[in-house]
Every structure is written in C-alpha cells, then in structure tokens.
Amino acid sequence: MTKDGKEMKWTRKDLLSLEELSREEIEMILQTADSFKEVSSREIKKVPALRGKTIANLFFESSTRTRTSFELAAKRLSADIINFSSAGSSTSKGENLRDTARNIEAMQIDTIVMRHSSSGSAEYLARSLKAGVVNAGDGTHEHPTQGLLDLFTIRGRKKKFEGLNVCLVGDILHSRVARSNIWGLKKLGAKVTLCGPPTLIPKEIENLGVEISYDLDSVLPKQDVLNILRIQLERQSHAFFPSIREYAAEYGISNERMKKAKKDVMVMHPGPVNRGVELSGEVADGEQSVILEQVTNGVAVRMAVLFLTTLVERG
C-alpha cells in the first residue's frame, strides 16, 4: 500500500540495489515475504506461484548460504532452477560475462540471480538482457537481498524502524552488506551508526546520513540492534589493523562487552562468523543472537524477490 492507501504495483524486472528502491517498494517486498514465510513451516513446503518459470543461479564467487537460499526459494515457488558456477564454465575459457548470460537467456531463462566480484556487474547485465536480474552481491557495491532479510528480521523483533538505533560494526570498507543495510535502514527511518577501525570506515560515508564512531564501548549502550560484519581478509590487499587479536579486543562482541548493551539488544551477523574475532561463541549462540533467524528469513525474502521480479510485466 502507498501512503494514500492505494494498492501498489511492482514494476521492476530487476533487483540491483536498495539505493534505487523507494521506501514503499522496500515495504512491499517485506510484506510479500510475510506471506511466504509460512510456506516453509508447512509439511509440503511448496506453492505453485512460479510454476513453469526458470531461474538461473550464476555465482562467480564462492557462496553457500546465499546460493542455497535462492535455490530453496525458487523450489518452494515451484520454479525450475539451474545452478551455474564459473569453475569449468565458458568464462574460464575466455567468454565474457554478457555473452555467457545471453547464451543462458537463449535457453528461455526468466530470471538470473548473479553474484560477481565486480561492482556494477549486475546493473551491466540487467541492461543487456530481457530476463530479470537479481543481484546476489556485486563486489563491494551492494547485497540487496541480505539487506532486505536483515530489515525483515529487525522488523519481526522490533516492529518498527522509526527511532531505532542500529550499529554496523566492523569492516565497513569492503562490505556490500553494510551499504545495503544503510540504504534500507535510513529509508525506513532508523538511525545508523558505523563503528570500526578508522582504516575500515570509508571516507565521506557520513554523507549517507550515518554517524561514525571508532570507539565501540562508547556507542554500545544506546544501540537497539548490533549488526556485526565479517572481517573480509580475502578482499584486503594489505593490513588494515595490527592483528586479529587486537581487532577482537577493540571491536569483538564478547559476553563481557555485552554487559554494556541493552538487555533486549539484537545481535546480527550475515555469516560466515569468524568466532572469537567478530563474535564470541557464547554471544553467537546466545539469547540475543538472531543469526539463524536471519538464515530462515532469507528464504522468505528471496521468495518474495523472485516472485515479484519474475512475474512483472516486461516490455
């Protein structure tokens, strides 16, 4: 529904970023995910919403959670699913991304879900194809479905975003998850704080309307949600902090540090967790952790995204 009470219609064949979505579009995805979450609790976990449609997973980077989540989402919507990886494919023989995708589209694929190491690759692909494109993570740009499932999880626990204090902790510089969360949270009315070593906070990111802190203990007591980001050592060309031990001491979430937080604070993590670095095992498995709930919600959110983008009218 729009603010004036009119029924909203989804018009995008692609989901490339949360930056480009309106608040109403984000809310529409979350509302659609509400209706699909129940499907996963049924004895027969299927609906015929995308029967006869074909979804292709194109993953040019390693992934377990996201690829499996999209595959489950497609199957629970009764779509046919094709999994494609760059290893052993034509791309390893020199074929470019556009040609690979157009060849796959020629097989009458309806929607392509793609993860790629290059920022902007999903948008490039979407301009080249009639098939829909869903961005499953492009470089350090965005990871919109992770941002949406994080929003869905927060909404389920906290009920509203206005006045909510959310802190993203860790490797902001290399995190596409952080960027999607920032855009989504700000559009829904939350207050966002970024916290991490100065070397891992991008310059001028405060222009997005966020607050910056390099001292976790000073901002921790007022936060309603802590979204702890993975230290992405594979994306770092040189050392951004002296040692893992020092990072854990300054920014790791331990039981001792949690004593400074609100009793009902939510602890989130997009996974995979580096236990003992970003989070202690006790916190990751504790009562305030919603990490596994995020995984569960990811299937419902991706069902909503595939449903909306695949069935949209295309010119």
C-alpha atoms as a PDB file:
ATOM      1  CA  MET A   1       0.000   0.000   0.000  1.00  0.00           C
ATOM      2  CA  THR A   2       1.148   3.554  -0.672  1.00  0.00           C
ATOM      3  CA  LYS A   3       0.770   6.343   1.895  1.00  0.00           C
ATOM      4  CA  ASP A   4      -2.564   7.372   0.372  1.00  0.00           C
ATOM      5  CA  GLY A   5      -3.900   3.822   0.766  1.00  0.00           C
ATOM      6  CA  LYS A   6      -3.717   2.820  -2.905  1.00  0.00           C
ATOM      7  CA  GLU A   7      -2.594  -0.657  -3.920  1.00  0.00           C
ATOM      8  CA  MET A   8       0.997  -0.575  -5.119  1.00  0.00           C
ATOM      9  CA  LYS A   9       2.102  -2.465  -8.213  1.00  0.00           C
ATOM     10  CA  TRP A  10       5.606  -3.879  -8.606  1.00  0.00           C
ATOM     11  CA  THR A  11       7.199  -2.629 -11.852  1.00  0.00           C
ATOM     12  CA  ARG A  12      10.849  -3.753 -11.776  1.00  0.00           C
ATOM     13  CA  LYS A  13      12.180  -6.835 -13.577  1.00  0.00           C
ATOM     14  CA  ASP A  14      15.485  -6.420 -11.713  1.00  0.00           C
ATOM     15  CA  LEU A  15      16.575  -6.041  -8.098  1.00  0.00           C
ATOM     16  CA  LEU A  16      20.007  -4.443  -8.241  1.00  0.00           C
ATOM     17  CA  SER A  17      20.301  -2.348  -5.064  1.00  0.00           C
ATOM     18  CA  LEU A  18      18.368  -0.882  -2.165  1.00  0.00           C
ATOM     19  CA  GLU A  19      19.688   2.552  -3.102  1.00  0.00           C
ATOM     20  CA  GLU A  20      17.357   2.634  -6.111  1.00  0.00           C
ATOM     21  CA  LEU A  21      14.258   1.405  -4.245  1.00  0.00           C
ATOM     22  CA  SER A  22      11.696   3.665  -2.627  1.00  0.00           C
ATOM     23  CA  ARG A  23      10.515   3.131   0.924  1.00  0.00           C
ATOM     24  CA  GLU A  24       7.227   1.842  -0.480  1.00  0.00           C
ATOM     25  CA  GLU A  25       8.989  -0.725  -2.670  1.00  0.00           C
ATOM     26  CA  ILE A  26      11.051  -1.990   0.261  1.00  0.00           C
ATOM     27  CA  GLU A  27       7.917  -2.298   2.379  1.00  0.00           C
ATOM     28  CA  MET A  28       6.170  -4.159  -0.443  1.00  0.00           C
ATOM     29  CA  ILE A  29       8.949  -6.764  -0.536  1.00  0.00           C
ATOM     30  CA  LEU A  30       8.792  -7.179   3.242  1.00  0.00           C
ATOM     31  CA  GLN A  31       5.001  -7.559   3.175  1.00  0.00           C
ATOM     32  CA  THR A  32       5.259 -10.140   0.392  1.00  0.00           C
ATOM     33  CA  ALA A  33       7.885 -12.020   2.428  1.00  0.00           C
ATOM     34  CA  ASP A  34       5.398 -12.112   5.334  1.00  0.00           C
ATOM     35  CA  SER A  35       3.003 -14.110   3.202  1.00  0.00           C
ATOM     36  CA  PHE A  36       5.715 -16.548   2.073  1.00  0.00           C
ATOM     37  CA  LYS A  37       7.358 -17.196   5.454  1.00  0.00           C
ATOM     38  CA  GLU A  38       4.541 -19.518   6.461  1.00  0.00           C
ATOM     39  CA  VAL A  39       5.232 -21.787   3.466  1.00  0.00           C
ATOM     40  CA  SER A  40       8.491 -23.027   4.996  1.00  0.00           C
ATOM     41  CA  SER A  41       6.665 -24.325   8.075  1.00  0.00           C
ATOM     42  CA  ARG A  42       4.242 -26.481   6.075  1.00  0.00           C
ATOM     43  CA  GLU A  43       4.536 -30.236   5.717  1.00  0.00           C
ATOM     44  CA  ILE A  44       4.718 -29.704   1.938  1.00  0.00           C
ATOM     45  CA  LYS A  45       6.905 -26.650   1.530  1.00  0.00           C
ATOM     46  CA  LYS A  46       5.696 -25.518  -1.887  1.00  0.00           C
ATOM     47  CA  VAL A  47       3.343 -23.111  -3.624  1.00  0.00           C
ATOM     48  CA  PRO A  48       2.731 -23.014  -7.394  1.00  0.00           C
ATOM     49  CA  ALA A  49       3.458 -19.282  -7.750  1.00  0.00           C
ATOM     50  CA  LEU A  50       6.299 -19.674 -10.287  1.00  0.00           C
ATOM     51  CA  ARG A  51       5.381 -22.998 -11.843  1.00  0.00           C
ATOM     52  CA  GLY A  52       6.684 -23.076 -15.421  1.00  0.00           C
ATOM     53  CA  LYS A  53       9.281 -20.343 -14.753  1.00  0.00           C
ATOM     54  CA  THR A  54      13.038 -20.964 -14.810  1.00  0.00           C
ATOM     55  CA  ILE A  55      15.589 -19.326 -12.505  1.00  0.00           C
ATOM     56  CA  ALA A  56      19.350 -19.488 -13.145  1.00  0.00           C
ATOM     57  CA  ASN A  57      21.893 -19.051 -10.334  1.00  0.00           C
ATOM     58  CA  LEU A  58      25.111 -17.544 -11.762  1.00  0.00           C
ATOM     59  CA  PHE A  59      27.697 -17.476  -9.000  1.00  0.00           C
ATOM     60  CA  PHE A  60      31.141 -16.217  -9.969  1.00  0.00           C
ATOM     61  CA  GLU A  61      32.170 -16.096  -6.288  1.00  0.00           C
ATOM     62  CA  SER A  62      32.018 -18.811  -3.654  1.00  0.00           C
ATOM     63  CA  SER A  63      28.788 -18.920  -1.692  1.00  0.00           C
ATOM     64  CA  THR A  64      26.943 -21.405   0.471  1.00  0.00           C
ATOM     65  CA  ARG A  65      24.177 -19.525   2.280  1.00  0.00           C
ATOM     66  CA  THR A  66      23.074 -17.168  -0.473  1.00  0.00           C
ATOM     67  CA  ARG A  67      23.112 -19.685  -3.320  1.00  0.00           C
ATOM     68  CA  THR A  68      21.341 -22.352  -1.244  1.00  0.00           C
ATOM     69  CA  SER A  69      18.803 -19.793  -0.016  1.00  0.00           C
ATOM     70  CA  PHE A  70      17.956 -18.688  -3.572  1.00  0.00           C
ATOM     71  CA  GLU A  71      17.748 -22.301  -4.712  1.00  0.00           C
ATOM     72  CA  LEU A  72      15.348 -23.181  -1.905  1.00  0.00           C
ATOM     73  CA  ALA A  73      13.308 -20.042  -2.583  1.00  0.00           C
ATOM     74  CA  ALA A  74      12.920 -20.940  -6.264  1.00  0.00           C
ATOM     75  CA  LYS A  75      11.994 -24.555  -5.496  1.00  0.00           C
ATOM     76  CA  ARG A  76       9.420 -23.535  -2.877  1.00  0.00           C
ATOM     77  CA  LEU A  77       7.809 -21.328  -5.533  1.00  0.00           C
ATOM     78  CA  SER A  78       7.765 -24.387  -7.881  1.00  0.00           C
ATOM     79  CA  ALA A  79      10.199 -22.812 -10.361  1.00  0.00           C
ATOM     80  CA  ASP A  80      12.824 -24.815 -12.215  1.00  0.00           C
ATOM     81  CA  ILE A  81      16.341 -23.933 -11.028  1.00  0.00           C
ATOM     82  CA  ILE A  82      19.685 -24.128 -12.834  1.00  0.00           C
ATOM     83  CA  ASN A  83      22.917 -23.705 -10.865  1.00  0.00           C
ATOM     84  CA  PHE A  84      25.868 -22.284 -12.773  1.00  0.00           C
ATOM     85  CA  SER A  85      29.366 -21.564 -11.444  1.00  0.00           C
ATOM     86  CA  SER A  86      32.363 -20.046 -13.202  1.00  0.00           C
ATOM     87  CA  ALA A  87      34.612 -23.040 -12.461  1.00  0.00           C
ATOM     88  CA  GLY A  88      34.758 -25.243 -15.542  1.00  0.00           C
ATOM     89  CA  SER A  89      32.414 -22.936 -17.468  1.00  0.00           C
ATOM     90  CA  SER A  90      32.888 -20.972 -20.681  1.00  0.00           C
ATOM     91  CA  THR A  91      34.021 -17.963 -18.673  1.00  0.00           C
ATOM     92  CA  SER A  92      37.148 -19.899 -17.712  1.00  0.00           C
ATOM     93  CA  LYS A  93      37.800 -20.254 -21.462  1.00  0.00           C
ATOM     94  CA  GLY A  94      37.647 -16.522 -22.077  1.00  0.00           C
ATOM     95  CA  GLU A  95      33.955 -15.903 -22.743  1.00  0.00           C
ATOM     96  CA  ASN A  96      32.811 -12.554 -21.360  1.00  0.00           C
ATOM     97  CA  LEU A  97      30.004 -12.076 -18.845  1.00  0.00           C
ATOM     98  CA  ARG A  98      27.487 -10.649 -21.310  1.00  0.00           C
ATOM     99  CA  ASP A  99      27.927 -13.478 -23.812  1.00  0.00           C
ATOM    100  CA  THR A 100      27.652 -16.098 -21.083  1.00  0.00           C
ATOM    101  CA  ALA A 101      24.435 -14.584 -19.762  1.00  0.00           C
ATOM    102  CA  ARG A 102      22.915 -14.104 -23.222  1.00  0.00           C
ATOM    103  CA  ASN A 103      23.570 -17.736 -24.045  1.00  0.00           C
ATOM    104  CA  ILE A 104      21.847 -18.753 -20.834  1.00  0.00           C
ATOM    105  CA  GLU A 105      18.962 -16.373 -21.590  1.00  0.00           C
ATOM    106  CA  ALA A 106      18.612 -18.010 -25.020  1.00  0.00           C
ATOM    107  CA  MET A 107      17.581 -21.148 -23.132  1.00  0.00           C
ATOM    108  CA  GLN A 108      14.433 -19.200 -22.114  1.00  0.00           C
ATOM    109  CA  ILE A 109      15.527 -18.320 -18.589  1.00  0.00           C
ATOM    110  CA  ASP A 110      13.123 -15.941 -16.848  1.00  0.00           C
ATOM    111  CA  THR A 111      15.343 -14.589 -14.054  1.00  0.00           C
ATOM    112  CA  ILE A 112      19.072 -14.694 -13.415  1.00  0.00           C
ATOM    113  CA  VAL A 113      20.439 -14.470  -9.876  1.00  0.00           C
ATOM    114  CA  MET A 114      24.071 -13.373 -10.020  1.00  0.00           C
ATOM    115  CA  ARG A 115      26.972 -12.926  -7.621  1.00  0.00           C
ATOM    116  CA  HIS A 116      30.129 -11.378  -9.056  1.00  0.00           C
ATOM    117  CA  SER A 117      33.356  -9.866  -7.744  1.00  0.00           C
ATOM    118  CA  SER A 118      32.995  -6.680  -9.830  1.00  0.00           C
ATOM    119  CA  SER A 119      30.915  -3.781  -8.511  1.00  0.00           C
ATOM    120  CA  GLY A 120      28.289  -2.768 -11.057  1.00  0.00           C
ATOM    121  CA  SER A 121      28.244  -6.157 -12.814  1.00  0.00           C
ATOM    122  CA  ALA A 122      24.564  -6.804 -12.008  1.00  0.00           C
ATOM    123  CA  GLU A 123      23.482  -3.455 -13.428  1.00  0.00           C
ATOM    124  CA  TYR A 124      25.600  -4.057 -16.546  1.00  0.00           C
ATOM    125  CA  LEU A 125      23.948  -7.429 -17.049  1.00  0.00           C
ATOM    126  CA  ALA A 126      20.436  -6.073 -16.492  1.00  0.00           C
ATOM    127  CA  ARG A 127      20.917  -3.503 -19.258  1.00  0.00           C
ATOM    128  CA  SER A 128      21.920  -6.277 -21.655  1.00  0.00           C
ATOM    129  CA  LEU A 129      19.126  -8.794 -21.036  1.00  0.00           C
ATOM    130  CA  LYS A 130      15.366  -9.094 -21.256  1.00  0.00           C
ATOM    131  CA  ALA A 131      15.489 -11.633 -18.435  1.00  0.00           C
ATOM    132  CA  GLY A 132      15.260 -10.294 -14.914  1.00  0.00           C
ATOM    133  CA  VAL A 133      18.465  -9.895 -12.902  1.00  0.00           C
ATOM    134  CA  VAL A 134      18.666 -10.212  -9.127  1.00  0.00           C
ATOM    135  CA  ASN A 135      21.891  -9.010  -7.550  1.00  0.00           C
ATOM    136  CA  ALA A 136      23.225 -11.597  -5.075  1.00  0.00           C
ATOM    137  CA  GLY A 137      26.250  -9.421  -4.300  1.00  0.00           C
ATOM    138  CA  ASP A 138      28.449  -7.402  -6.656  1.00  0.00           C
ATOM    139  CA  GLY A 139      31.952  -6.562  -5.470  1.00  0.00           C
ATOM    140  CA  THR A 140      31.837  -4.078  -2.611  1.00  0.00           C
ATOM    141  CA  HIS A 141      28.731  -2.338  -4.001  1.00  0.00           C
ATOM    142  CA  GLU A 142      25.580  -3.954  -2.583  1.00  0.00           C
ATOM    143  CA  HIS A 143      23.978  -7.198  -1.462  1.00  0.00           C
ATOM    144  CA  PRO A 144      20.310  -6.163  -1.566  1.00  0.00           C
ATOM    145  CA  THR A 145      18.646  -9.422  -0.526  1.00  0.00           C
ATOM    146  CA  GLN A 146      20.898  -9.650   2.542  1.00  0.00           C
ATOM    147  CA  GLY A 147      19.920  -6.090   3.388  1.00  0.00           C
ATOM    148  CA  LEU A 148      16.254  -6.978   2.951  1.00  0.00           C
ATOM    149  CA  LEU A 149      16.433 -10.102   5.110  1.00  0.00           C
ATOM    150  CA  ASP A 150      18.187  -8.057   7.804  1.00  0.00           C
ATOM    151  CA  LEU A 151      15.364  -5.487   7.636  1.00  0.00           C
ATOM    152  CA  PHE A 152      12.783  -8.289   7.749  1.00  0.00           C
ATOM    153  CA  THR A 153      14.434  -9.788  10.837  1.00  0.00           C
ATOM    154  CA  ILE A 154      14.639  -6.432  12.640  1.00  0.00           C
ATOM    155  CA  ARG A 155      11.014  -5.671  11.771  1.00  0.00           C
ATOM    156  CA  GLY A 156       9.931  -9.054  13.143  1.00  0.00           C
ATOM    157  CA  ARG A 157      11.529  -8.377  16.532  1.00  0.00           C
ATOM    158  CA  LYS A 158      11.327  -4.583  16.930  1.00  0.00           C
ATOM    159  CA  LYS A 159       8.061  -3.986  14.972  1.00  0.00           C
ATOM    160  CA  LYS A 160       9.112  -0.521  13.728  1.00  0.00           C
ATOM    161  CA  PHE A 161      12.161   1.340  12.436  1.00  0.00           C
ATOM    162  CA  GLU A 162      11.448   4.946  13.428  1.00  0.00           C
ATOM    163  CA  GLY A 163      13.636   5.878  16.384  1.00  0.00           C
ATOM    164  CA  LEU A 164      15.576   2.612  16.273  1.00  0.00           C
ATOM    165  CA  ASN A 165      19.350   2.786  16.830  1.00  0.00           C
ATOM    166  CA  VAL A 166      21.268   0.328  14.651  1.00  0.00           C
ATOM    167  CA  CYS A 167      25.045  -0.056  14.752  1.00  0.00           C
ATOM    168  CA  LEU A 168      27.003  -1.752  11.969  1.00  0.00           C
ATOM    169  CA  VAL A 169      30.307  -2.930  13.411  1.00  0.00           C
ATOM    170  CA  GLY A 170      33.480  -3.962  11.616  1.00  0.00           C
ATOM    171  CA  ASP A 171      34.732  -3.960   8.047  1.00  0.00           C
ATOM    172  CA  ILE A 172      32.529  -1.271   6.516  1.00  0.00           C
ATOM    173  CA  LEU A 173      35.040  -0.505   3.765  1.00  0.00           C
ATOM    174  CA  HIS A 174      34.723  -3.851   1.991  1.00  0.00           C
ATOM    175  CA  SER A 175      31.134  -4.662   2.989  1.00  0.00           C
ATOM    176  CA  ARG A 176      28.372  -4.703   0.377  1.00  0.00           C
ATOM    177  CA  VAL A 177      26.066  -5.837   3.199  1.00  0.00           C
ATOM    178  CA  ALA A 178      26.758  -2.599   5.078  1.00  0.00           C
ATOM    179  CA  ARG A 179      25.829  -0.467   2.085  1.00  0.00           C
ATOM    180  CA  SER A 180      22.532  -2.249   1.512  1.00  0.00           C
ATOM    181  CA  ASN A 181      21.705  -2.011   5.220  1.00  0.00           C
ATOM    182  CA  ILE A 182      22.492   1.703   5.305  1.00  0.00           C
ATOM    183  CA  TRP A 183      20.195   2.485   2.377  1.00  0.00           C
ATOM    184  CA  GLY A 184      17.361   0.315   3.674  1.00  0.00           C
ATOM    185  CA  LEU A 185      17.536   1.382   7.312  1.00  0.00           C
ATOM    186  CA  LYS A 186      17.724   5.089   6.505  1.00  0.00           C
ATOM    187  CA  LYS A 187      14.756   4.910   4.139  1.00  0.00           C
ATOM    188  CA  LEU A 188      12.673   3.161   6.804  1.00  0.00           C
ATOM    189  CA  GLY A 189      13.528   5.737   9.482  1.00  0.00           C
ATOM    190  CA  ALA A 190      16.232   4.114  11.633  1.00  0.00           C
ATOM    191  CA  LYS A 191      19.306   5.903  12.964  1.00  0.00           C
ATOM    192  CA  VAL A 192      22.504   4.227  11.753  1.00  0.00           C
ATOM    193  CA  THR A 193      25.939   4.283  13.380  1.00  0.00           C
ATOM    194  CA  LEU A 194      29.041   2.786  11.761  1.00  0.00           C
ATOM    195  CA  CYS A 195      31.781   1.588  14.075  1.00  0.00           C
ATOM    196  CA  GLY A 196      35.169   0.093  13.309  1.00  0.00           C
ATOM    197  CA  PRO A 197      38.858   0.926  12.904  1.00  0.00           C
ATOM    198  CA  PRO A 198      39.438   4.221  11.055  1.00  0.00           C
ATOM    199  CA  THR A 199      41.128   2.279   8.249  1.00  0.00           C
ATOM    200  CA  LEU A 200      37.936   0.268   7.648  1.00  0.00           C
ATOM    201  CA  ILE A 201      35.495   3.205   7.573  1.00  0.00           C
ATOM    202  CA  PRO A 202      35.233   4.691   4.042  1.00  0.00           C
ATOM    203  CA  LYS A 203      35.949   8.381   3.637  1.00  0.00           C
ATOM    204  CA  GLU A 204      32.873  10.589   3.219  1.00  0.00           C
ATOM    205  CA  ILE A 205      30.434   7.751   4.005  1.00  0.00           C
ATOM    206  CA  GLU A 206      28.849  10.053   6.586  1.00  0.00           C
ATOM    207  CA  ASN A 207      27.336  11.809   3.557  1.00  0.00           C
ATOM    208  CA  LEU A 208      24.808   8.953   3.541  1.00  0.00           C
ATOM    209  CA  GLY A 209      23.376  10.301   6.798  1.00  0.00           C
ATOM    210  CA  VAL A 210      25.105   7.949   9.213  1.00  0.00           C
ATOM    211  CA  GLU A 211      27.119   8.607  12.352  1.00  0.00           C
ATOM    212  CA  ILE A 212      30.722   7.402  12.666  1.00  0.00           C
ATOM    213  CA  SER A 213      32.429   6.053  15.776  1.00  0.00           C
ATOM    214  CA  TYR A 214      35.788   4.398  16.308  1.00  0.00           C
ATOM    215  CA  ASP A 215      35.001   3.521  19.946  1.00  0.00           C
ATOM    216  CA  LEU A 216      32.538   0.646  20.242  1.00  0.00           C
ATOM    217  CA  ASP A 217      32.182   0.856  24.019  1.00  0.00           C
ATOM    218  CA  SER A 218      31.035   4.484  23.832  1.00  0.00           C
ATOM    219  CA  VAL A 219      28.144   3.816  21.414  1.00  0.00           C
ATOM    220  CA  LEU A 220      27.188   0.299  22.527  1.00  0.00           C
ATOM    221  CA  PRO A 221      24.838   1.187  25.436  1.00  0.00           C
ATOM    222  CA  LYS A 222      22.292   3.062  23.277  1.00  0.00           C
ATOM    223  CA  GLN A 223      22.007   0.562  20.414  1.00  0.00           C
ATOM    224  CA  ASP A 224      18.863  -1.486  19.778  1.00  0.00           C
ATOM    225  CA  VAL A 225      20.490  -3.611  17.078  1.00  0.00           C
ATOM    226  CA  LEU A 226      24.096  -4.677  16.524  1.00  0.00           C
ATOM    227  CA  ASN A 227      24.845  -5.947  13.036  1.00  0.00           C
ATOM    228  CA  ILE A 228      28.331  -7.417  13.216  1.00  0.00           C
ATOM    229  CA  LEU A 229      30.143  -7.620   9.883  1.00  0.00           C
ATOM    230  CA  ARG A 230      32.705 -10.205   8.883  1.00  0.00           C
ATOM    231  CA  ILE A 231      36.342  -9.175   8.566  1.00  0.00           C
ATOM    232  CA  GLN A 232      36.879  -9.811   4.858  1.00  0.00           C
ATOM    233  CA  LEU A 233      40.539 -10.755   4.778  1.00  0.00           C
ATOM    234  CA  GLU A 234      40.144 -12.106   1.224  1.00  0.00           C
ATOM    235  CA  ARG A 235      39.291  -8.602  -0.041  1.00  0.00           C
ATOM    236  CA  GLN A 236      42.084  -6.824   1.811  1.00  0.00           C
ATOM    237  CA  SER A 237      45.233  -6.152  -0.204  1.00  0.00           C
ATOM    238  CA  HIS A 238      47.158  -5.062   2.896  1.00  0.00           C
ATOM    239  CA  ALA A 239      46.807  -4.960   6.681  1.00  0.00           C
ATOM    240  CA  PHE A 240      44.134  -2.563   7.961  1.00  0.00           C
ATOM    241  CA  PHE A 241      44.792  -3.263  11.668  1.00  0.00           C
ATOM    242  CA  PRO A 242      47.799  -4.560  13.615  1.00  0.00           C
ATOM    243  CA  SER A 243      46.482  -8.046  14.423  1.00  0.00           C
ATOM    244  CA  ILE A 244      43.360 -10.197  14.688  1.00  0.00           C
ATOM    245  CA  ARG A 245      43.849 -10.294  18.460  1.00  0.00           C
ATOM    246  CA  GLU A 246      43.861  -6.500  18.697  1.00  0.00           C
ATOM    247  CA  TYR A 247      40.792  -6.217  16.460  1.00  0.00           C
ATOM    248  CA  ALA A 248      38.903  -8.704  18.657  1.00  0.00           C
ATOM    249  CA  ALA A 249      39.878  -6.762  21.775  1.00  0.00           C
ATOM    250  CA  GLU A 250      38.660  -3.429  20.377  1.00  0.00           C
ATOM    251  CA  TYR A 251      35.641  -4.450  18.280  1.00  0.00           C
ATOM    252  CA  GLY A 252      34.774  -8.075  19.055  1.00  0.00           C
ATOM    253  CA  ILE A 253      31.462  -8.743  20.801  1.00  0.00           C
ATOM    254  CA  SER A 254      32.129 -10.815  23.912  1.00  0.00           C
ATOM    255  CA  ASN A 255      29.970 -11.692  26.908  1.00  0.00           C
ATOM    256  CA  GLU A 256      31.845  -9.092  28.927  1.00  0.00           C
ATOM    257  CA  ARG A 257      31.208  -6.369  26.348  1.00  0.00           C
ATOM    258  CA  MET A 258      27.535  -7.348  26.088  1.00  0.00           C
ATOM    259  CA  LYS A 259      27.071  -6.337  29.731  1.00  0.00           C
ATOM    260  CA  LYS A 260      27.251  -2.717  28.499  1.00  0.00           C
ATOM    261  CA  ALA A 261      24.451  -3.255  25.965  1.00  0.00           C
ATOM    262  CA  LYS A 262      20.688  -3.048  26.360  1.00  0.00           C
ATOM    263  CA  LYS A 263      19.070  -6.217  27.688  1.00  0.00           C
ATOM    264  CA  ASP A 264      16.957  -6.581  24.549  1.00  0.00           C
ATOM    265  CA  VAL A 265      19.639  -5.707  22.010  1.00  0.00           C
ATOM    266  CA  MET A 266      19.557  -7.807  18.829  1.00  0.00           C
ATOM    267  CA  VAL A 267      22.832  -9.327  17.648  1.00  0.00           C
ATOM    268  CA  MET A 268      23.014  -9.990  13.907  1.00  0.00           C
ATOM    269  CA  HIS A 269      25.692 -11.296  11.544  1.00  0.00           C
ATOM    270  CA  PRO A 270      25.439 -12.004   7.779  1.00  0.00           C
ATOM    271  CA  GLY A 271      27.757 -15.026   8.085  1.00  0.00           C
ATOM    272  CA  PRO A 272      30.021 -16.796   7.974  1.00  0.00           C
ATOM    273  CA  VAL A 273      31.091 -15.880  11.511  1.00  0.00           C
ATOM    274  CA  ASN A 274      34.753 -15.758  12.489  1.00  0.00           C
ATOM    275  CA  ARG A 275      34.191 -16.965  16.053  1.00  0.00           C
ATOM    276  CA  GLY A 276      36.487 -15.375  18.570  1.00  0.00           C
ATOM    277  CA  VAL A 277      37.112 -12.423  16.244  1.00  0.00           C
ATOM    278  CA  GLU A 278      33.858 -10.588  15.462  1.00  0.00           C
ATOM    279  CA  LEU A 279      31.792 -12.555  17.972  1.00  0.00           C
ATOM    280  CA  SER A 280      32.497 -14.936  20.804  1.00  0.00           C
ATOM    281  CA  GLY A 281      30.828 -18.331  20.532  1.00  0.00           C
ATOM    282  CA  GLU A 282      28.724 -17.554  23.613  1.00  0.00           C
ATOM    283  CA  VAL A 283      27.267 -14.416  22.015  1.00  0.00           C
ATOM    284  CA  ALA A 284      26.786 -16.031  18.592  1.00  0.00           C
ATOM    285  CA  ASP A 285      24.759 -18.824  20.210  1.00  0.00           C
ATOM    286  CA  GLY A 286      23.180 -16.682  22.919  1.00  0.00           C
ATOM    287  CA  GLU A 287      19.621 -15.492  23.518  1.00  0.00           C
ATOM    288  CA  GLN A 288      20.153 -12.098  21.886  1.00  0.00           C
ATOM    289  CA  SER A 289      21.544 -13.610  18.692  1.00  0.00           C
ATOM    290  CA  VAL A 290      19.201 -13.818  15.678  1.00  0.00           C
ATOM    291  CA  ILE A 291      21.780 -15.224  13.260  1.00  0.00           C
ATOM    292  CA  LEU A 292      19.882 -18.433  12.488  1.00  0.00           C
ATOM    293  CA  GLU A 293      16.632 -16.475  12.287  1.00  0.00           C
ATOM    294  CA  GLN A 294      18.287 -14.356   9.586  1.00  0.00           C
ATOM    295  CA  VAL A 295      19.020 -17.517   7.608  1.00  0.00           C
ATOM    296  CA  THR A 296      15.410 -18.694   7.916  1.00  0.00           C
ATOM    297  CA  ASN A 297      14.069 -15.281   6.927  1.00  0.00           C
ATOM    298  CA  GLY A 298      16.407 -15.178   3.946  1.00  0.00           C
ATOM    299  CA  VAL A 299      14.400 -17.868   2.169  1.00  0.00           C
ATOM    300  CA  ALA A 300      11.104 -15.979   2.622  1.00  0.00           C
ATOM    301  CA  VAL A 301      12.629 -12.693   1.467  1.00  0.00           C
ATOM    302  CA  ARG A 302      14.198 -14.286  -1.610  1.00  0.00           C
ATOM    303  CA  MET A 303      10.898 -15.983  -2.408  1.00  0.00           C
ATOM    304  CA  ALA A 304       9.308 -12.528  -2.355  1.00  0.00           C
ATOM    305  CA  VAL A 305      12.009 -11.029  -4.586  1.00  0.00           C
ATOM    306  CA  LEU A 306      11.860 -13.865  -7.138  1.00  0.00           C
ATOM    307  CA  PHE A 307       8.062 -13.771  -7.153  1.00  0.00           C
ATOM    308  CA  LEU A 308       7.860 -10.017  -7.737  1.00  0.00           C
ATOM    309  CA  THR A 309      10.618  -9.696 -10.326  1.00  0.00           C
ATOM    310  CA  THR A 310       9.808 -12.863 -12.301  1.00  0.00           C
ATOM    311  CA  LEU A 311       6.098 -12.154 -12.711  1.00  0.00           C
ATOM    312  CA  VAL A 312       6.424  -8.454 -13.559  1.00  0.00           C
ATOM    313  CA  GLU A 313       5.154  -7.356 -16.972  1.00  0.00           C
ATOM    314  CA  ARG A 314       8.108  -6.855 -19.307  1.00  0.00           C
ATOM    315  CA  GLY A 315       8.265  -4.729 -22.418  1.00  0.00           C
END
